[in-house]
């Protein structure tokens, strides 16, 4: 068994390209590891913090005690989902058109 261990080392000395190949594989492993770290860091930075909520137009007044959890702007109306789950439908002028209770 000890002879097998020394046999591959002698073969590696006889073929100098194997040392170069070993260096290339090591460099590739390091670069791939750094690339994975960079991808994880980019995803963490881009997806880590939630997207900021768009500001509610000044003409829209929410019902007493309600806060906006989501705001959607459509062509003719604005939809506001409150923290309690209530869905409020406003027109572009800011008038409440409809509401849906959870």
PDB file of N, CA and C in Angstrom:
ATOM      1  N   UNK A   1       0.829  -1.186   0.000  1.00  0.00           N
ATOM      2  CA  UNK A   1       0.000   0.000   0.000  1.00  0.00           C
ATOM      3  C   UNK A   1       0.876   1.252   0.000  1.00  0.00           C
ATOM      4  N   UNK A   2       1.959   1.238   0.712  1.00  0.00           N
ATOM      5  CA  UNK A   2       2.862   2.384   0.724  1.00  0.00           C
ATOM      6  C   UNK A   2       3.467   2.607  -0.645  1.00  0.00           C
ATOM      7  N   UNK A   3       3.655   1.506  -1.400  1.00  0.00           N
ATOM      8  CA  UNK A   3       4.210   1.641  -2.744  1.00  0.00           C
ATOM      9  C   UNK A   3       3.226   2.365  -3.665  1.00  0.00           C
ATOM     10  N   UNK A   4       1.911   2.076  -3.485  1.00  0.00           N
ATOM     11  CA  UNK A   4       0.908   2.758  -4.303  1.00  0.00           C
ATOM     12  C   UNK A   4       0.917   4.256  -4.037  1.00  0.00           C
ATOM     13  N   UNK A   5       1.124   4.617  -2.775  1.00  0.00           N
ATOM     14  CA  UNK A   5       1.125   6.032  -2.386  1.00  0.00           C
ATOM     15  C   UNK A   5       2.294   6.758  -3.047  1.00  0.00           C
ATOM     16  N   UNK A   6       3.433   6.159  -3.068  1.00  0.00           N
ATOM     17  CA  UNK A   6       4.610   6.780  -3.671  1.00  0.00           C
ATOM     18  C   UNK A   6       4.558   6.712  -5.195  1.00  0.00           C
ATOM     19  N   UNK A   7       3.842   5.729  -5.728  1.00  0.00           N
ATOM     20  CA  UNK A   7       3.785   5.536  -7.170  1.00  0.00           C
ATOM     21  C   UNK A   7       3.160   6.738  -7.878  1.00  0.00           C
ATOM     22  N   UNK A   8       2.054   7.281  -7.345  1.00  0.00           N
ATOM     23  CA  UNK A   8       1.407   8.410  -8.009  1.00  0.00           C
ATOM     24  C   UNK A   8       2.240   9.669  -7.894  1.00  0.00           C
ATOM     25  N   UNK A   9       3.022   9.775  -6.820  1.00  0.00           N
ATOM     26  CA  UNK A   9       3.888  10.954  -6.693  1.00  0.00           C
ATOM     27  C   UNK A   9       5.010  10.914  -7.727  1.00  0.00           C
ATOM     28  N   UNK A  10       5.534   9.754  -7.959  1.00  0.00           N
ATOM     29  CA  UNK A  10       6.584   9.627  -8.970  1.00  0.00           C
ATOM     30  C   UNK A  10       6.025   9.897 -10.360  1.00  0.00           C
ATOM     31  N   UNK A  11       4.797   9.448 -10.601  1.00  0.00           N
ATOM     32  CA  UNK A  11       4.172   9.703 -11.883  1.00  0.00           C
ATOM     33  C   UNK A  11       3.934  11.203 -12.067  1.00  0.00           C
ATOM     34  N   UNK A  12       3.516  11.890 -10.994  1.00  0.00           N
ATOM     35  CA  UNK A  12       3.285  13.334 -11.066  1.00  0.00           C
ATOM     36  C   UNK A  12       4.579  14.082 -11.356  1.00  0.00           C
ATOM     37  N   UNK A  13       5.691  13.619 -10.805  1.00  0.00           N
ATOM     38  CA  UNK A  13       6.979  14.264 -11.093  1.00  0.00           C
ATOM     39  C   UNK A  13       7.392  14.017 -12.533  1.00  0.00           C
ATOM     40  N   UNK A  14       7.041  12.860 -13.059  1.00  0.00           N
ATOM     41  CA  UNK A  14       7.424  12.522 -14.429  1.00  0.00           C
ATOM     42  C   UNK A  14       6.586  13.296 -15.446  1.00  0.00           C
ATOM     43  N   UNK A  15       5.354  13.690 -15.086  1.00  0.00           N
ATOM     44  CA  UNK A  15       4.469  14.423 -16.005  1.00  0.00           C
ATOM     45  C   UNK A  15       4.219  15.809 -15.400  1.00  0.00           C
ATOM     46  N   UNK A  16       4.993  16.819 -15.801  1.00  0.00           N
ATOM     47  CA  UNK A  16       4.865  18.144 -15.176  1.00  0.00           C
ATOM     48  C   UNK A  16       3.514  18.808 -15.435  1.00  0.00           C
ATOM     49  N   UNK A  17       2.788  18.390 -16.461  1.00  0.00           N
ATOM     50  CA  UNK A  17       1.485  18.984 -16.753  1.00  0.00           C
ATOM     51  C   UNK A  17       0.476  18.705 -15.635  1.00  0.00           C
ATOM     52  N   UNK A  18       0.682  17.620 -14.890  1.00  0.00           N
ATOM     53  CA  UNK A  18      -0.243  17.306 -13.802  1.00  0.00           C
ATOM     54  C   UNK A  18      -0.188  18.360 -12.695  1.00  0.00           C
ATOM     55  N   UNK A  19       0.980  18.904 -12.439  1.00  0.00           N
ATOM     56  CA  UNK A  19       1.107  19.975 -11.447  1.00  0.00           C
ATOM     57  C   UNK A  19       0.367  21.227 -11.898  1.00  0.00           C
ATOM     58  N   UNK A  20       0.489  21.535 -13.183  1.00  0.00           N
ATOM     59  CA  UNK A  20      -0.221  22.683 -13.741  1.00  0.00           C
ATOM     60  C   UNK A  20      -1.734  22.456 -13.684  1.00  0.00           C
ATOM     61  N   UNK A  21      -2.149  21.231 -14.013  1.00  0.00           N
ATOM     62  CA  UNK A  21      -3.570  20.896 -13.964  1.00  0.00           C
ATOM     63  C   UNK A  21      -4.103  21.009 -12.536  1.00  0.00           C
ATOM     64  N   UNK A  22      -3.328  20.556 -11.577  1.00  0.00           N
ATOM     65  CA  UNK A  22      -3.726  20.666 -10.165  1.00  0.00           C
ATOM     66  C   UNK A  22      -3.891  22.138  -9.768  1.00  0.00           C
ATOM     67  N   UNK A  23      -2.971  22.989 -10.234  1.00  0.00           N
ATOM     68  CA  UNK A  23      -3.062  24.416  -9.931  1.00  0.00           C
ATOM     69  C   UNK A  23      -4.316  25.018 -10.569  1.00  0.00           C
ATOM     70  N   UNK A  24      -4.643  24.622 -11.805  1.00  0.00           N
ATOM     71  CA  UNK A  24      -5.837  25.136 -12.463  1.00  0.00           C
ATOM     72  C   UNK A  24      -7.113  24.715 -11.737  1.00  0.00           C
ATOM     73  N   UNK A  25      -7.176  23.473 -11.297  1.00  0.00           N
ATOM     74  CA  UNK A  25      -8.358  22.993 -10.582  1.00  0.00           C
ATOM     75  C   UNK A  25      -8.506  23.734  -9.258  1.00  0.00           C
ATOM     76  N   UNK A  26      -7.413  23.969  -8.560  1.00  0.00           N
ATOM     77  CA  UNK A  26      -7.469  24.716  -7.296  1.00  0.00           C
ATOM     78  C   UNK A  26      -7.937  26.152  -7.542  1.00  0.00           C
ATOM     79  N   UNK A  27      -7.401  26.794  -8.582  1.00  0.00           N
ATOM     80  CA  UNK A  27      -7.812  28.167  -8.892  1.00  0.00           C
ATOM     81  C   UNK A  27      -9.289  28.215  -9.271  1.00  0.00           C
ATOM     82  N   UNK A  28      -9.750  27.240 -10.050  1.00  0.00           N
ATOM     83  CA  UNK A  28     -11.158  27.193 -10.426  1.00  0.00           C
ATOM     84  C   UNK A  28     -12.050  27.035  -9.197  1.00  0.00           C
ATOM     85  N   UNK A  29     -11.635  26.218  -8.261  1.00  0.00           N
ATOM     86  CA  UNK A  29     -12.420  26.024  -7.030  1.00  0.00           C
ATOM     87  C   UNK A  29     -12.516  27.316  -6.228  1.00  0.00           C
ATOM     88  N   UNK A  30     -11.416  28.034  -6.133  1.00  0.00           N
ATOM     89  CA  UNK A  30     -11.408  29.298  -5.383  1.00  0.00           C
ATOM     90  C   UNK A  30     -12.312  30.323  -6.070  1.00  0.00           C
ATOM     91  N   UNK A  31     -12.195  30.443  -7.396  1.00  0.00           N
ATOM     92  CA  UNK A  31     -13.010  31.413  -8.135  1.00  0.00           C
ATOM     93  C   UNK A  31     -14.484  31.050  -8.038  1.00  0.00           C
ATOM     94  N   UNK A  32     -14.805  29.764  -8.128  1.00  0.00           N
ATOM     95  CA  UNK A  32     -16.204  29.344  -8.031  1.00  0.00           C
ATOM     96  C   UNK A  32     -16.752  29.635  -6.631  1.00  0.00           C
ATOM     97  N   UNK A  33     -15.944  29.405  -5.609  1.00  0.00           N
ATOM     98  CA  UNK A  33     -16.381  29.723  -4.248  1.00  0.00           C
ATOM     99  C   UNK A  33     -16.637  31.206  -4.072  1.00  0.00           C
ATOM    100  N   UNK A  34     -15.741  32.040  -4.602  1.00  0.00           N
ATOM    101  CA  UNK A  34     -15.945  33.495  -4.519  1.00  0.00           C
ATOM    102  C   UNK A  34     -17.184  33.928  -5.299  1.00  0.00           C
ATOM    103  N   UNK A  35     -17.426  33.281  -6.439  1.00  0.00           N
ATOM    104  CA  UNK A  35     -18.631  33.593  -7.220  1.00  0.00           C
ATOM    105  C   UNK A  35     -19.894  33.260  -6.464  1.00  0.00           C
ATOM    106  N   UNK A  36     -19.898  32.130  -5.780  1.00  0.00           N
ATOM    107  CA  UNK A  36     -21.075  31.753  -4.984  1.00  0.00           C
ATOM    108  C   UNK A  36     -21.303  32.744  -3.850  1.00  0.00           C
ATOM    109  N   UNK A  37     -20.227  33.163  -3.210  1.00  0.00           N
ATOM    110  CA  UNK A  37     -20.354  34.160  -2.140  1.00  0.00           C
ATOM    111  C   UNK A  37     -20.910  35.467  -2.706  1.00  0.00           C
ATOM    112  N   UNK A  38     -20.442  35.869  -3.885  1.00  0.00           N
ATOM    113  CA  UNK A  38     -20.937  37.108  -4.511  1.00  0.00           C
ATOM    114  C   UNK A  38     -22.416  36.996  -4.861  1.00  0.00           C
ATOM    115  N   UNK A  39     -22.843  35.854  -5.395  1.00  0.00           N
ATOM    116  CA  UNK A  39     -24.259  35.672  -5.742  1.00  0.00           C
ATOM    117  C   UNK A  39     -25.129  35.736  -4.501  1.00  0.00           C
ATOM    118  N   UNK A  40     -24.724  35.061  -3.436  1.00  0.00           N
ATOM    119  CA  UNK A  40     -25.494  35.087  -2.192  1.00  0.00           C
ATOM    120  C   UNK A  40     -25.551  36.512  -1.637  1.00  0.00           C
ATOM    121  N   UNK A  41     -24.445  37.229  -1.682  1.00  0.00           N
ATOM    122  CA  UNK A  41     -24.428  38.608  -1.172  1.00  0.00           C
ATOM    123  C   UNK A  41     -25.351  39.512  -1.987  1.00  0.00           C
ATOM    124  N   UNK A  42     -25.344  39.365  -3.302  1.00  0.00           N
ATOM    125  CA  UNK A  42     -26.212  40.189  -4.149  1.00  0.00           C
ATOM    126  C   UNK A  42     -27.679  39.885  -3.866  1.00  0.00           C
ATOM    127  N   UNK A  43     -28.020  38.596  -3.772  1.00  0.00           N
ATOM    128  CA  UNK A  43     -29.412  38.237  -3.471  1.00  0.00           C
ATOM    129  C   UNK A  43     -29.821  38.756  -2.104  1.00  0.00           C
ATOM    130  N   UNK A  44     -28.936  38.654  -1.134  1.00  0.00           N
ATOM    131  CA  UNK A  44     -29.255  39.123   0.218  1.00  0.00           C
ATOM    132  C   UNK A  44     -29.480  40.633   0.220  1.00  0.00           C
ATOM    133  N   UNK A  45     -28.654  41.367  -0.502  1.00  0.00           N
ATOM    134  CA  UNK A  45     -28.803  42.828  -0.535  1.00  0.00           C
ATOM    135  C   UNK A  45     -30.054  43.255  -1.298  1.00  0.00           C
ATOM    136  N   UNK A  46     -30.359  42.564  -2.398  1.00  0.00           N
ATOM    137  CA  UNK A  46     -31.512  42.955  -3.212  1.00  0.00           C
ATOM    138  C   UNK A  46     -32.841  42.500  -2.616  1.00  0.00           C
ATOM    139  N   UNK A  47     -32.872  41.324  -2.007  1.00  0.00           N
ATOM    140  CA  UNK A  47     -34.126  40.764  -1.522  1.00  0.00           C
ATOM    141  C   UNK A  47     -34.288  40.858  -0.011  1.00  0.00           C
ATOM    142  N   UNK A  48     -33.231  41.222   0.695  1.00  0.00           N
ATOM    143  CA  UNK A  48     -33.263  41.238   2.161  1.00  0.00           C
ATOM    144  C   UNK A  48     -34.254  42.249   2.719  1.00  0.00           C
ATOM    145  N   UNK A  49     -34.162  43.477   2.300  1.00  0.00           N
ATOM    146  CA  UNK A  49     -35.088  44.505   2.770  1.00  0.00           C
ATOM    147  C   UNK A  49     -36.300  44.541   1.866  1.00  0.00           C
ATOM    148  N   UNK A  50     -37.464  44.591   2.460  1.00  0.00           N
ATOM    149  CA  UNK A  50     -38.687  44.630   1.648  1.00  0.00           C
ATOM    150  C   UNK A  50     -38.755  45.894   0.819  1.00  0.00           C
ATOM    151  N   UNK A  51     -39.495  45.820  -0.243  1.00  0.00           N
ATOM    152  CA  UNK A  51     -39.661  46.984  -1.104  1.00  0.00           C
ATOM    153  C   UNK A  51     -40.434  48.067  -0.349  1.00  0.00           C
ATOM    154  N   UNK A  52     -40.041  49.310  -0.506  1.00  0.00           N
ATOM    155  CA  UNK A  52     -40.757  50.370   0.194  1.00  0.00           C
ATOM    156  C   UNK A  52     -42.178  50.529  -0.351  1.00  0.00           C
ATOM    157  N   UNK A  53     -43.080  50.815   0.529  1.00  0.00           N
ATOM    158  CA  UNK A  53     -44.482  51.010   0.161  1.00  0.00           C
ATOM    159  C   UNK A  53     -44.631  52.348  -0.551  1.00  0.00           C
ATOM    160  N   UNK A  54     -45.295  52.391  -1.711  1.00  0.00           N
ATOM    161  CA  UNK A  54     -45.489  53.682  -2.377  1.00  0.00           C
ATOM    162  C   UNK A  54     -46.330  54.605  -1.492  1.00  0.00           C
ATOM    163  N   UNK A  55     -46.064  55.866  -1.614  1.00  0.00           N
ATOM    164  CA  UNK A  55     -46.794  56.826  -0.786  1.00  0.00           C
ATOM    165  C   UNK A  55     -48.223  56.977  -1.283  1.00  0.00           C
ATOM    166  N   UNK A  56     -49.107  57.065  -0.318  1.00  0.00           N
ATOM    167  CA  UNK A  56     -50.514  57.249  -0.610  1.00  0.00           C
ATOM    168  C   UNK A  56     -50.733  58.685  -1.071  1.00  0.00           C
ATOM    169  N   UNK A  57     -51.461  58.905  -2.168  1.00  0.00           N
ATOM    170  CA  UNK A  57     -51.731  60.274  -2.611  1.00  0.00           C
ATOM    171  C   UNK A  57     -52.442  61.073  -1.506  1.00  0.00           C
ATOM    172  N   UNK A  58     -52.187  62.356  -1.497  1.00  0.00           N
ATOM    173  CA  UNK A  58     -52.726  63.217  -0.444  1.00  0.00           C
ATOM    174  C   UNK A  58     -54.248  63.265  -0.436  1.00  0.00           C
ATOM    175  N   UNK A  59     -54.886  63.072  -1.597  1.00  0.00           N
ATOM    176  CA  UNK A  59     -56.339  63.170  -1.660  1.00  0.00           C
ATOM    177  C   UNK A  59     -57.042  61.937  -1.075  1.00  0.00           C
ATOM    178  N   UNK A  60     -56.321  60.892  -0.737  1.00  0.00           N
ATOM    179  CA  UNK A  60     -56.939  59.682  -0.183  1.00  0.00           C
ATOM    180  C   UNK A  60     -56.851  59.720   1.333  1.00  0.00           C
ATOM    181  N   UNK A  61     -58.010  59.591   1.967  1.00  0.00           N
ATOM    182  CA  UNK A  61     -58.077  59.557   3.433  1.00  0.00           C
ATOM    183  C   UNK A  61     -58.554  58.169   3.846  1.00  0.00           C
ATOM    184  N   UNK A  62     -57.745  57.482   4.621  1.00  0.00           N
ATOM    185  CA  UNK A  62     -58.119  56.156   5.101  1.00  0.00           C
ATOM    186  C   UNK A  62     -59.111  56.274   6.251  1.00  0.00           C
ATOM    187  N   UNK A  63     -59.945  55.264   6.461  1.00  0.00           N
ATOM    188  CA  UNK A  63     -60.863  55.281   7.601  1.00  0.00           C
ATOM    189  C   UNK A  63     -60.103  55.374   8.921  1.00  0.00           C
ATOM    190  N   UNK A  64     -60.772  55.839   9.929  1.00  0.00           N
ATOM    191  CA  UNK A  64     -60.180  56.039  11.253  1.00  0.00           C
ATOM    192  C   UNK A  64     -59.540  54.749  11.771  1.00  0.00           C
ATOM    193  N   UNK A  65     -58.283  54.840  12.188  1.00  0.00           N
ATOM    194  CA  UNK A  65     -57.586  53.710  12.792  1.00  0.00           C
ATOM    195  C   UNK A  65     -56.984  52.725  11.801  1.00  0.00           C
ATOM    196  N   UNK A  66     -57.105  52.980  10.501  1.00  0.00           N
ATOM    197  CA  UNK A  66     -56.567  52.062   9.494  1.00  0.00           C
ATOM    198  C   UNK A  66     -55.217  52.571   8.985  1.00  0.00           C
ATOM    199  N   UNK A  67     -54.315  51.636   8.719  1.00  0.00           N
ATOM    200  CA  UNK A  67     -53.040  51.973   8.089  1.00  0.00           C
ATOM    201  C   UNK A  67     -52.872  51.101   6.854  1.00  0.00           C
ATOM    202  N   UNK A  68     -52.218  51.645   5.852  1.00  0.00           N
ATOM    203  CA  UNK A  68     -52.056  50.933   4.579  1.00  0.00           C
ATOM    204  C   UNK A  68     -50.987  49.852   4.709  1.00  0.00           C
ATOM    205  N   UNK A  69     -51.311  48.641   4.236  1.00  0.00           N
ATOM    206  CA  UNK A  69     -50.347  47.549   4.171  1.00  0.00           C
ATOM    207  C   UNK A  69     -49.869  47.360   2.740  1.00  0.00           C
ATOM    208  N   UNK A  70     -50.724  47.687   1.762  1.00  0.00           N
ATOM    209  CA  UNK A  70     -50.361  47.569   0.346  1.00  0.00           C
ATOM    210  C   UNK A  70     -51.161  48.585  -0.447  1.00  0.00           C
ATOM    211  N   UNK A  71     -50.524  49.108  -1.478  1.00  0.00           N
ATOM    212  CA  UNK A  71     -51.175  50.092  -2.349  1.00  0.00           C
ATOM    213  C   UNK A  71     -50.945  49.657  -3.788  1.00  0.00           C
ATOM    214  N   UNK A  72     -52.016  49.626  -4.573  1.00  0.00           N
ATOM    215  CA  UNK A  72     -51.910  49.265  -5.983  1.00  0.00           C
ATOM    216  C   UNK A  72     -52.521  50.382  -6.815  1.00  0.00           C
ATOM    217  N   UNK A  73     -51.774  50.843  -7.794  1.00  0.00           N
ATOM    218  CA  UNK A  73     -52.241  51.903  -8.686  1.00  0.00           C
ATOM    219  C   UNK A  73     -52.661  51.273 -10.008  1.00  0.00           C
ATOM    220  N   UNK A  74     -53.907  51.475 -10.390  1.00  0.00           N
ATOM    221  CA  UNK A  74     -54.415  51.003 -11.672  1.00  0.00           C
ATOM    222  C   UNK A  74     -54.726  52.214 -12.540  1.00  0.00           C
ATOM    223  N   UNK A  75     -55.242  51.960 -13.719  1.00  0.00           N
ATOM    224  CA  UNK A  75     -55.519  53.059 -14.638  1.00  0.00           C
ATOM    225  C   UNK A  75     -56.548  54.038 -14.089  1.00  0.00           C
ATOM    226  N   UNK A  76     -57.668  53.519 -13.587  1.00  0.00           N
ATOM    227  CA  UNK A  76     -58.761  54.381 -13.162  1.00  0.00           C
ATOM    228  C   UNK A  76     -59.003  54.387 -11.661  1.00  0.00           C
ATOM    229  N   UNK A  77     -58.302  53.588 -10.908  1.00  0.00           N
ATOM    230  CA  UNK A  77     -58.552  53.527  -9.479  1.00  0.00           C
ATOM    231  C   UNK A  77     -57.284  53.191  -8.720  1.00  0.00           C
ATOM    232  N   UNK A  78     -57.387  53.333  -7.414  1.00  0.00           N
ATOM    233  CA  UNK A  78     -56.300  53.000  -6.488  1.00  0.00           C
ATOM    234  C   UNK A  78     -56.871  52.029  -5.469  1.00  0.00           C
ATOM    235  N   UNK A  79     -56.188  50.910  -5.278  1.00  0.00           N
ATOM    236  CA  UNK A  79     -56.630  49.896  -4.326  1.00  0.00           C
ATOM    237  C   UNK A  79     -55.692  49.939  -3.128  1.00  0.00           C
ATOM    238  N   UNK A  80     -56.273  50.025  -1.934  1.00  0.00           N
ATOM    239  CA  UNK A  80     -55.496  50.045  -0.700  1.00  0.00           C
ATOM    240  C   UNK A  80     -55.936  48.869   0.157  1.00  0.00           C
ATOM    241  N   UNK A  81     -54.973  48.055   0.575  1.00  0.00           N
ATOM    242  CA  UNK A  81     -55.244  46.976   1.522  1.00  0.00           C
ATOM    243  C   UNK A  81     -54.707  47.436   2.864  1.00  0.00           C
ATOM    244  N   UNK A  82     -55.566  47.406   3.881  1.00  0.00           N
ATOM    245  CA  UNK A  82     -55.167  47.882   5.197  1.00  0.00           C
ATOM    246  C   UNK A  82     -54.547  46.747   6.007  1.00  0.00           C
ATOM    247  N   UNK A  83     -53.928  47.109   7.126  1.00  0.00           N
ATOM    248  CA  UNK A  83     -53.308  46.123   8.011  1.00  0.00           C
ATOM    249  C   UNK A  83     -54.335  45.119   8.526  1.00  0.00           C
ATOM    250  N   UNK A  84     -55.588  45.520   8.673  1.00  0.00           N
ATOM    251  CA  UNK A  84     -56.624  44.615   9.160  1.00  0.00           C
ATOM    252  C   UNK A  84     -57.177  43.710   8.062  1.00  0.00           C
ATOM    253  N   UNK A  85     -56.734  43.912   6.815  1.00  0.00           N
ATOM    254  CA  UNK A  85     -57.182  43.081   5.709  1.00  0.00           C
ATOM    255  C   UNK A  85     -58.313  43.673   4.895  1.00  0.00           C
ATOM    256  N   UNK A  86     -58.784  44.836   5.278  1.00  0.00           N
ATOM    257  CA  UNK A  86     -59.859  45.494   4.534  1.00  0.00           C
ATOM    258  C   UNK A  86     -59.303  46.006   3.205  1.00  0.00           C
ATOM    259  N   UNK A  87     -60.067  45.824   2.128  1.00  0.00           N
ATOM    260  CA  UNK A  87     -59.672  46.292   0.800  1.00  0.00           C
ATOM    261  C   UNK A  87     -60.529  47.503   0.453  1.00  0.00           C
ATOM    262  N   UNK A  88     -59.867  48.616   0.156  1.00  0.00           N
ATOM    263  CA  UNK A  88     -60.550  49.871  -0.162  1.00  0.00           C
ATOM    264  C   UNK A  88     -60.259  50.247  -1.605  1.00  0.00           C
ATOM    265  N   UNK A  89     -61.300  50.587  -2.354  1.00  0.00           N
ATOM    266  CA  UNK A  89     -61.166  50.952  -3.760  1.00  0.00           C
ATOM    267  C   UNK A  89     -61.510  52.430  -3.916  1.00  0.00           C
ATOM    268  N   UNK A  90     -60.516  53.212  -4.348  1.00  0.00           N
ATOM    269  CA  UNK A  90     -60.686  54.655  -4.535  1.00  0.00           C
ATOM    270  C   UNK A  90     -60.581  54.977  -6.020  1.00  0.00           C
ATOM    271  N   UNK A  91     -61.286  56.057  -6.442  1.00  0.00           N
ATOM    272  CA  UNK A  91     -61.065  56.533  -7.802  1.00  0.00           C
ATOM    273  C   UNK A  91     -59.867  57.471  -7.800  1.00  0.00           C
ATOM    274  N   UNK A  92     -59.464  57.950  -8.967  1.00  0.00           N
ATOM    275  CA  UNK A  92     -58.273  58.807  -9.057  1.00  0.00           C
ATOM    276  C   UNK A  92     -58.434  60.128  -8.308  1.00  0.00           C
ATOM    277  N   UNK A  93     -59.677  60.580  -8.119  1.00  0.00           N
ATOM    278  CA  UNK A  93     -59.921  61.829  -7.397  1.00  0.00           C
ATOM    279  C   UNK A  93     -59.795  61.642  -5.890  1.00  0.00           C
ATOM    280  N   UNK A  94     -59.771  60.392  -5.432  1.00  0.00           N
ATOM    281  CA  UNK A  94     -59.641  60.136  -4.001  1.00  0.00           C
ATOM    282  C   UNK A  94     -60.932  59.782  -3.312  1.00  0.00           C
ATOM    283  N   UNK A  95     -62.012  59.612  -4.064  1.00  0.00           N
ATOM    284  CA  UNK A  95     -63.299  59.265  -3.466  1.00  0.00           C
ATOM    285  C   UNK A  95     -63.375  57.740  -3.289  1.00  0.00           C
ATOM    286  N   UNK A  96     -63.834  57.324  -2.112  1.00  0.00           N
ATOM    287  CA  UNK A  96     -63.978  55.902  -1.825  1.00  0.00           C
ATOM    288  C   UNK A  96     -65.125  55.339  -2.654  1.00  0.00           C
ATOM    289  N   UNK A  97     -64.881  54.344  -3.478  1.00  0.00           N
ATOM    290  CA  UNK A  97     -65.889  53.746  -4.336  1.00  0.00           C
ATOM    291  C   UNK A  97     -66.455  52.465  -3.752  1.00  0.00           C
ATOM    292  N   UNK A  98     -65.607  51.650  -3.120  1.00  0.00           N
ATOM    293  CA  UNK A  98     -66.069  50.372  -2.609  1.00  0.00           C
ATOM    294  C   UNK A  98     -65.090  49.897  -1.537  1.00  0.00           C
ATOM    295  N   UNK A  99     -65.568  49.025  -0.670  1.00  0.00           N
ATOM    296  CA  UNK A  99     -64.692  48.416   0.330  1.00  0.00           C
ATOM    297  C   UNK A  99     -65.145  46.972   0.549  1.00  0.00           C
ATOM    298  N   UNK A 100     -64.178  46.127   0.836  1.00  0.00           N
ATOM    299  CA  UNK A 100     -64.434  44.718   1.086  1.00  0.00           C
ATOM    300  C   UNK A 100     -63.861  44.385   2.457  1.00  0.00           C
ATOM    301  N   UNK A 101     -64.708  43.836   3.312  1.00  0.00           N
ATOM    302  CA  UNK A 101     -64.268  43.442   4.654  1.00  0.00           C
ATOM    303  C   UNK A 101     -63.652  42.041   4.592  1.00  0.00           C
ATOM    304  N   UNK A 102     -62.672  41.745   5.431  1.00  0.00           N
ATOM    305  CA  UNK A 102     -62.060  40.400   5.428  1.00  0.00           C
ATOM    306  C   UNK A 102     -63.005  39.340   5.948  1.00  0.00           C
TER     307      UNK A 102
END
